[in-house]
């Protein structure tokens, strides 16, 4: 149960109802992470705009890489809500639930290419110890693996975004929906 009042879809009117209806139309469903912001509808719009640009916008990073980092950040923050939602999204691309589960347990033991492993390391380090991230240990390995500065920026934006969202979810008591995050549009 959320720690603050939430306006449900059937109770919404005006701007909030329009926002909810648009989310259902474009995303396939209305997530509790959006409903938790129902007392400030404009924040839902800004949140979704940021999410769509970071996760679905043009980028040298592939969609699965963004979802993979979302899972690693969420695991490191003990955010089951986002780990589950973005694990389902990652499985949409990987089509290997056992590999997604292994990533959530130990990304170092997960069969990944060099770029993906370095992205996961950056996600874990920037989440757990942001003050210790440096170019030698974290950024240069990404460049040596072939990532551009733009890709590294985009990776950092994904990691920062999920740290932000994990704190909304954990700080306001957002519970995982009964469908466990399935049924959203990933394309």
C-alpha atoms as a PDB file:
ATOM      1  CA  UNK A   1       0.000   0.000   0.000  1.00  0.00           C
ATOM      2  CA  UNK A   2       1.375   3.414  -0.958  1.00  0.00           C
ATOM      3  CA  UNK A   3       2.440   5.748   1.827  1.00  0.00           C
ATOM      4  CA  UNK A   4       0.500   8.680   0.315  1.00  0.00           C
ATOM      5  CA  UNK A   5      -2.919   9.160  -1.296  1.00  0.00           C
ATOM      6  CA  UNK A   6      -3.200   7.866  -4.871  1.00  0.00           C
ATOM      7  CA  UNK A   7      -5.972   8.784  -7.295  1.00  0.00           C
ATOM      8  CA  UNK A   8      -6.998   5.661  -9.190  1.00  0.00           C
ATOM      9  CA  UNK A   9      -7.855   5.733 -12.889  1.00  0.00           C
ATOM     10  CA  UNK A  10     -11.596   5.343 -12.281  1.00  0.00           C
ATOM     11  CA  UNK A  11     -11.540   8.300  -9.843  1.00  0.00           C
ATOM     12  CA  UNK A  12      -9.511  10.624 -12.088  1.00  0.00           C
ATOM     13  CA  UNK A  13     -10.988  13.572 -13.914  1.00  0.00           C
ATOM     14  CA  UNK A  14      -9.779  16.547 -15.928  1.00  0.00           C
ATOM     15  CA  UNK A  15      -6.070  16.697 -16.720  1.00  0.00           C
ATOM     16  CA  UNK A  16      -5.243  13.604 -14.659  1.00  0.00           C
ATOM     17  CA  UNK A  17      -7.826  11.475 -16.492  1.00  0.00           C
ATOM     18  CA  UNK A  18      -6.435  12.678 -19.839  1.00  0.00           C
ATOM     19  CA  UNK A  19      -2.902  11.753 -18.734  1.00  0.00           C
ATOM     20  CA  UNK A  20      -4.008   8.336 -17.475  1.00  0.00           C
ATOM     21  CA  UNK A  21      -5.983   7.629 -20.666  1.00  0.00           C
ATOM     22  CA  UNK A  22      -2.999   8.648 -22.798  1.00  0.00           C
ATOM     23  CA  UNK A  23      -0.677   6.338 -20.837  1.00  0.00           C
ATOM     24  CA  UNK A  24      -3.057   3.409 -21.289  1.00  0.00           C
ATOM     25  CA  UNK A  25      -3.317   4.156 -25.010  1.00  0.00           C
ATOM     26  CA  UNK A  26       0.418   4.583 -25.643  1.00  0.00           C
ATOM     27  CA  UNK A  27       1.988   2.230 -23.069  1.00  0.00           C
ATOM     28  CA  UNK A  28      -0.701  -0.450 -22.932  1.00  0.00           C
ATOM     29  CA  UNK A  29      -1.379   0.012 -19.211  1.00  0.00           C
ATOM     30  CA  UNK A  30      -1.174   2.416 -16.324  1.00  0.00           C
ATOM     31  CA  UNK A  31       1.701   1.667 -13.932  1.00  0.00           C
ATOM     32  CA  UNK A  32       1.573   2.307 -10.202  1.00  0.00           C
ATOM     33  CA  UNK A  33       4.791   4.344 -10.521  1.00  0.00           C
ATOM     34  CA  UNK A  34       2.716   6.877 -12.481  1.00  0.00           C
ATOM     35  CA  UNK A  35      -0.310   6.738 -10.203  1.00  0.00           C
ATOM     36  CA  UNK A  36       1.906   7.540  -7.194  1.00  0.00           C
ATOM     37  CA  UNK A  37       2.373  10.980  -8.798  1.00  0.00           C
ATOM     38  CA  UNK A  38      -1.386  11.541  -9.226  1.00  0.00           C
ATOM     39  CA  UNK A  39      -1.473  14.466  -6.788  1.00  0.00           C
ATOM     40  CA  UNK A  40       0.890  16.342  -9.142  1.00  0.00           C
ATOM     41  CA  UNK A  41      -0.235  15.434 -12.693  1.00  0.00           C
ATOM     42  CA  UNK A  42       2.338  17.653 -14.413  1.00  0.00           C
ATOM     43  CA  UNK A  43       5.093  15.559 -12.821  1.00  0.00           C
ATOM     44  CA  UNK A  44       3.688  12.468 -14.570  1.00  0.00           C
ATOM     45  CA  UNK A  45       3.978  14.209 -17.943  1.00  0.00           C
ATOM     46  CA  UNK A  46       7.544  15.389 -17.239  1.00  0.00           C
ATOM     47  CA  UNK A  47       8.467  11.951 -15.899  1.00  0.00           C
ATOM     48  CA  UNK A  48       7.109  10.163 -18.992  1.00  0.00           C
ATOM     49  CA  UNK A  49       8.828  12.625 -21.322  1.00  0.00           C
ATOM     50  CA  UNK A  50      12.170  11.970 -19.627  1.00  0.00           C
ATOM     51  CA  UNK A  51      11.554   8.206 -19.578  1.00  0.00           C
ATOM     52  CA  UNK A  52      10.630   8.073 -23.272  1.00  0.00           C
ATOM     53  CA  UNK A  53      13.664  10.122 -24.321  1.00  0.00           C
ATOM     54  CA  UNK A  54      16.123   8.131 -22.201  1.00  0.00           C
ATOM     55  CA  UNK A  55      14.718   4.653 -22.758  1.00  0.00           C
ATOM     56  CA  UNK A  56      13.191   4.852 -26.258  1.00  0.00           C
ATOM     57  CA  UNK A  57      14.882   7.843 -27.924  1.00  0.00           C
ATOM     58  CA  UNK A  58      17.587   7.677 -30.554  1.00  0.00           C
ATOM     59  CA  UNK A  59      20.808   6.423 -28.988  1.00  0.00           C
ATOM     60  CA  UNK A  60      23.925   4.445 -29.841  1.00  0.00           C
ATOM     61  CA  UNK A  61      22.779   2.105 -27.051  1.00  0.00           C
ATOM     62  CA  UNK A  62      20.393  -0.669 -27.931  1.00  0.00           C
ATOM     63  CA  UNK A  63      17.057  -0.966 -26.140  1.00  0.00           C
ATOM     64  CA  UNK A  64      18.029  -4.183 -24.370  1.00  0.00           C
ATOM     65  CA  UNK A  65      21.179  -2.494 -23.003  1.00  0.00           C
ATOM     66  CA  UNK A  66      19.074   0.235 -21.419  1.00  0.00           C
ATOM     67  CA  UNK A  67      16.723  -2.320 -19.857  1.00  0.00           C
ATOM     68  CA  UNK A  68      19.710  -4.388 -18.705  1.00  0.00           C
ATOM     69  CA  UNK A  69      21.178  -1.378 -16.864  1.00  0.00           C
ATOM     70  CA  UNK A  70      17.737  -0.618 -15.386  1.00  0.00           C
ATOM     71  CA  UNK A  71      17.691  -4.105 -13.880  1.00  0.00           C
ATOM     72  CA  UNK A  72      21.238  -3.789 -12.490  1.00  0.00           C
ATOM     73  CA  UNK A  73      20.478  -0.399 -10.893  1.00  0.00           C
ATOM     74  CA  UNK A  74      17.213  -1.682  -9.428  1.00  0.00           C
ATOM     75  CA  UNK A  75      18.863  -4.822  -8.022  1.00  0.00           C
ATOM     76  CA  UNK A  76      21.542  -2.682  -6.360  1.00  0.00           C
ATOM     77  CA  UNK A  77      18.846  -0.457  -4.829  1.00  0.00           C
ATOM     78  CA  UNK A  78      16.735  -3.451  -3.731  1.00  0.00           C
ATOM     79  CA  UNK A  79      13.850  -2.078  -5.794  1.00  0.00           C
ATOM     80  CA  UNK A  80      11.797  -5.157  -6.620  1.00  0.00           C
ATOM     81  CA  UNK A  81       9.182  -3.071  -8.456  1.00  0.00           C
ATOM     82  CA  UNK A  82      11.599  -1.727 -11.083  1.00  0.00           C
ATOM     83  CA  UNK A  83      13.666  -4.922 -11.191  1.00  0.00           C
ATOM     84  CA  UNK A  84      10.514  -6.875 -12.042  1.00  0.00           C
ATOM     85  CA  UNK A  85       9.112  -4.361 -14.547  1.00  0.00           C
ATOM     86  CA  UNK A  86      12.386  -3.898 -16.397  1.00  0.00           C
ATOM     87  CA  UNK A  87      13.310  -7.555 -16.103  1.00  0.00           C
ATOM     88  CA  UNK A  88      10.103  -8.282 -18.039  1.00  0.00           C
ATOM     89  CA  UNK A  89      11.091  -5.625 -20.592  1.00  0.00           C
ATOM     90  CA  UNK A  90      14.604  -7.086 -20.876  1.00  0.00           C
ATOM     91  CA  UNK A  91      13.162 -10.548 -21.399  1.00  0.00           C
ATOM     92  CA  UNK A  92      11.105  -9.110 -24.274  1.00  0.00           C
ATOM     93  CA  UNK A  93      14.447  -8.567 -26.038  1.00  0.00           C
ATOM     94  CA  UNK A  94      16.566 -11.429 -24.702  1.00  0.00           C
ATOM     95  CA  UNK A  95      13.774 -14.010 -24.716  1.00  0.00           C
ATOM     96  CA  UNK A  96      15.667 -15.902 -22.032  1.00  0.00           C
ATOM     97  CA  UNK A  97      14.123 -15.626 -18.564  1.00  0.00           C
ATOM     98  CA  UNK A  98      16.919 -17.666 -16.977  1.00  0.00           C
ATOM     99  CA  UNK A  99      19.520 -15.194 -18.279  1.00  0.00           C
ATOM    100  CA  UNK A 100      17.445 -12.271 -16.928  1.00  0.00           C
ATOM    101  CA  UNK A 101      17.182 -14.031 -13.556  1.00  0.00           C
ATOM    102  CA  UNK A 102      20.946 -14.642 -13.505  1.00  0.00           C
ATOM    103  CA  UNK A 103      21.576 -10.964 -14.323  1.00  0.00           C
ATOM    104  CA  UNK A 104      19.424 -10.036 -11.318  1.00  0.00           C
ATOM    105  CA  UNK A 105      21.462 -12.387  -9.118  1.00  0.00           C
ATOM    106  CA  UNK A 106      24.997 -11.799 -10.396  1.00  0.00           C
ATOM    107  CA  UNK A 107      25.672  -9.874 -13.592  1.00  0.00           C
ATOM    108  CA  UNK A 108      29.340 -10.912 -13.461  1.00  0.00           C
ATOM    109  CA  UNK A 109      28.266 -14.554 -13.840  1.00  0.00           C
ATOM    110  CA  UNK A 110      25.854 -13.734 -16.674  1.00  0.00           C
ATOM    111  CA  UNK A 111      27.092 -14.486 -20.203  1.00  0.00           C
ATOM    112  CA  UNK A 112      27.520 -10.967 -21.609  1.00  0.00           C
ATOM    113  CA  UNK A 113      29.733  -9.391 -24.248  1.00  0.00           C
ATOM    114  CA  UNK A 114      32.466  -6.959 -23.120  1.00  0.00           C
ATOM    115  CA  UNK A 115      30.408  -3.816 -23.726  1.00  0.00           C
ATOM    116  CA  UNK A 116      27.406  -5.142 -21.803  1.00  0.00           C
ATOM    117  CA  UNK A 117      29.585  -6.307 -18.903  1.00  0.00           C
ATOM    118  CA  UNK A 118      31.225  -2.854 -18.678  1.00  0.00           C
ATOM    119  CA  UNK A 119      27.794  -1.188 -18.825  1.00  0.00           C
ATOM    120  CA  UNK A 120      26.622  -3.370 -15.940  1.00  0.00           C
ATOM    121  CA  UNK A 121      29.748  -2.535 -13.949  1.00  0.00           C
ATOM    122  CA  UNK A 122      29.151   1.174 -14.510  1.00  0.00           C
ATOM    123  CA  UNK A 123      25.501   0.788 -13.472  1.00  0.00           C
ATOM    124  CA  UNK A 124      26.445  -1.016 -10.254  1.00  0.00           C
ATOM    125  CA  UNK A 125      29.293   1.357  -9.369  1.00  0.00           C
ATOM    126  CA  UNK A 126      27.428   4.567 -10.158  1.00  0.00           C
ATOM    127  CA  UNK A 127      24.514   3.310  -8.057  1.00  0.00           C
ATOM    128  CA  UNK A 128      26.462   2.028  -5.045  1.00  0.00           C
ATOM    129  CA  UNK A 129      29.496   4.338  -4.942  1.00  0.00           C
ATOM    130  CA  UNK A 130      29.060   7.272  -7.339  1.00  0.00           C
ATOM    131  CA  UNK A 131      31.919   9.175  -5.708  1.00  0.00           C
ATOM    132  CA  UNK A 132      34.343   6.395  -6.714  1.00  0.00           C
ATOM    133  CA  UNK A 133      33.476   6.303 -10.427  1.00  0.00           C
ATOM    134  CA  UNK A 134      36.483   7.421 -12.455  1.00  0.00           C
ATOM    135  CA  UNK A 135      37.645   7.443 -16.039  1.00  0.00           C
ATOM    136  CA  UNK A 136      40.372   4.817 -15.580  1.00  0.00           C
ATOM    137  CA  UNK A 137      38.252   2.126 -13.995  1.00  0.00           C
ATOM    138  CA  UNK A 138      34.815   2.849 -15.471  1.00  0.00           C
ATOM    139  CA  UNK A 139      34.832   5.105 -18.534  1.00  0.00           C
ATOM    140  CA  UNK A 140      37.994   4.096 -20.406  1.00  0.00           C
ATOM    141  CA  UNK A 141      37.013   0.388 -20.476  1.00  0.00           C
ATOM    142  CA  UNK A 142      33.766   1.421 -22.206  1.00  0.00           C
ATOM    143  CA  UNK A 143      35.692   3.485 -24.755  1.00  0.00           C
ATOM    144  CA  UNK A 144      38.174   0.653 -25.343  1.00  0.00           C
ATOM    145  CA  UNK A 145      35.257  -1.720 -25.889  1.00  0.00           C
ATOM    146  CA  UNK A 146      34.005   0.589 -28.642  1.00  0.00           C
ATOM    147  CA  UNK A 147      31.433   2.880 -27.041  1.00  0.00           C
ATOM    148  CA  UNK A 148      31.309   6.517 -28.077  1.00  0.00           C
ATOM    149  CA  UNK A 149      31.105   9.415 -25.642  1.00  0.00           C
ATOM    150  CA  UNK A 150      27.429   9.796 -26.598  1.00  0.00           C
ATOM    151  CA  UNK A 151      26.777   6.164 -25.678  1.00  0.00           C
ATOM    152  CA  UNK A 152      28.520   6.693 -22.339  1.00  0.00           C
ATOM    153  CA  UNK A 153      26.408   9.794 -21.706  1.00  0.00           C
ATOM    154  CA  UNK A 154      23.255   7.848 -22.547  1.00  0.00           C
ATOM    155  CA  UNK A 155      24.300   5.003 -20.227  1.00  0.00           C
ATOM    156  CA  UNK A 156      24.859   7.484 -17.411  1.00  0.00           C
ATOM    157  CA  UNK A 157      21.432   9.043 -18.060  1.00  0.00           C
ATOM    158  CA  UNK A 158      19.768   5.611 -17.861  1.00  0.00           C
ATOM    159  CA  UNK A 159      21.585   4.812 -14.625  1.00  0.00           C
ATOM    160  CA  UNK A 160      20.751   8.187 -13.061  1.00  0.00           C
ATOM    161  CA  UNK A 161      17.119   7.955 -14.179  1.00  0.00           C
ATOM    162  CA  UNK A 162      16.632   4.561 -12.547  1.00  0.00           C
ATOM    163  CA  UNK A 163      18.236   5.713  -9.319  1.00  0.00           C
ATOM    164  CA  UNK A 164      15.685   8.572  -9.374  1.00  0.00           C
ATOM    165  CA  UNK A 165      12.720   6.290 -10.048  1.00  0.00           C
ATOM    166  CA  UNK A 166      13.848   3.641  -7.550  1.00  0.00           C
ATOM    167  CA  UNK A 167      13.780   6.336  -4.871  1.00  0.00           C
ATOM    168  CA  UNK A 168      10.236   7.396  -5.808  1.00  0.00           C
ATOM    169  CA  UNK A 169       9.082   3.781  -5.662  1.00  0.00           C
ATOM    170  CA  UNK A 170      10.880   2.908  -2.426  1.00  0.00           C
ATOM    171  CA  UNK A 171      10.299   6.265  -0.724  1.00  0.00           C
ATOM    172  CA  UNK A 172       6.543   6.296  -1.372  1.00  0.00           C
ATOM    173  CA  UNK A 173       5.777   2.599  -0.934  1.00  0.00           C
ATOM    174  CA  UNK A 174       4.819   1.697  -4.497  1.00  0.00           C
ATOM    175  CA  UNK A 175       3.885  -1.980  -4.598  1.00  0.00           C
ATOM    176  CA  UNK A 176       4.315  -4.313  -7.518  1.00  0.00           C
ATOM    177  CA  UNK A 177       1.098  -4.772  -9.453  1.00  0.00           C
ATOM    178  CA  UNK A 178      -0.492  -8.223  -9.426  1.00  0.00           C
ATOM    179  CA  UNK A 179       0.443  -8.762 -13.107  1.00  0.00           C
ATOM    180  CA  UNK A 180       4.136  -8.256 -12.179  1.00  0.00           C
ATOM    181  CA  UNK A 181       4.796  -5.631 -14.832  1.00  0.00           C
ATOM    182  CA  UNK A 182       3.710  -7.620 -17.848  1.00  0.00           C
ATOM    183  CA  UNK A 183       1.638  -6.376 -20.763  1.00  0.00           C
ATOM    184  CA  UNK A 184       3.376  -3.100 -21.540  1.00  0.00           C
ATOM    185  CA  UNK A 185       4.352  -1.950 -25.017  1.00  0.00           C
ATOM    186  CA  UNK A 186       8.156  -2.202 -25.357  1.00  0.00           C
ATOM    187  CA  UNK A 187       8.623  -0.985 -28.915  1.00  0.00           C
END
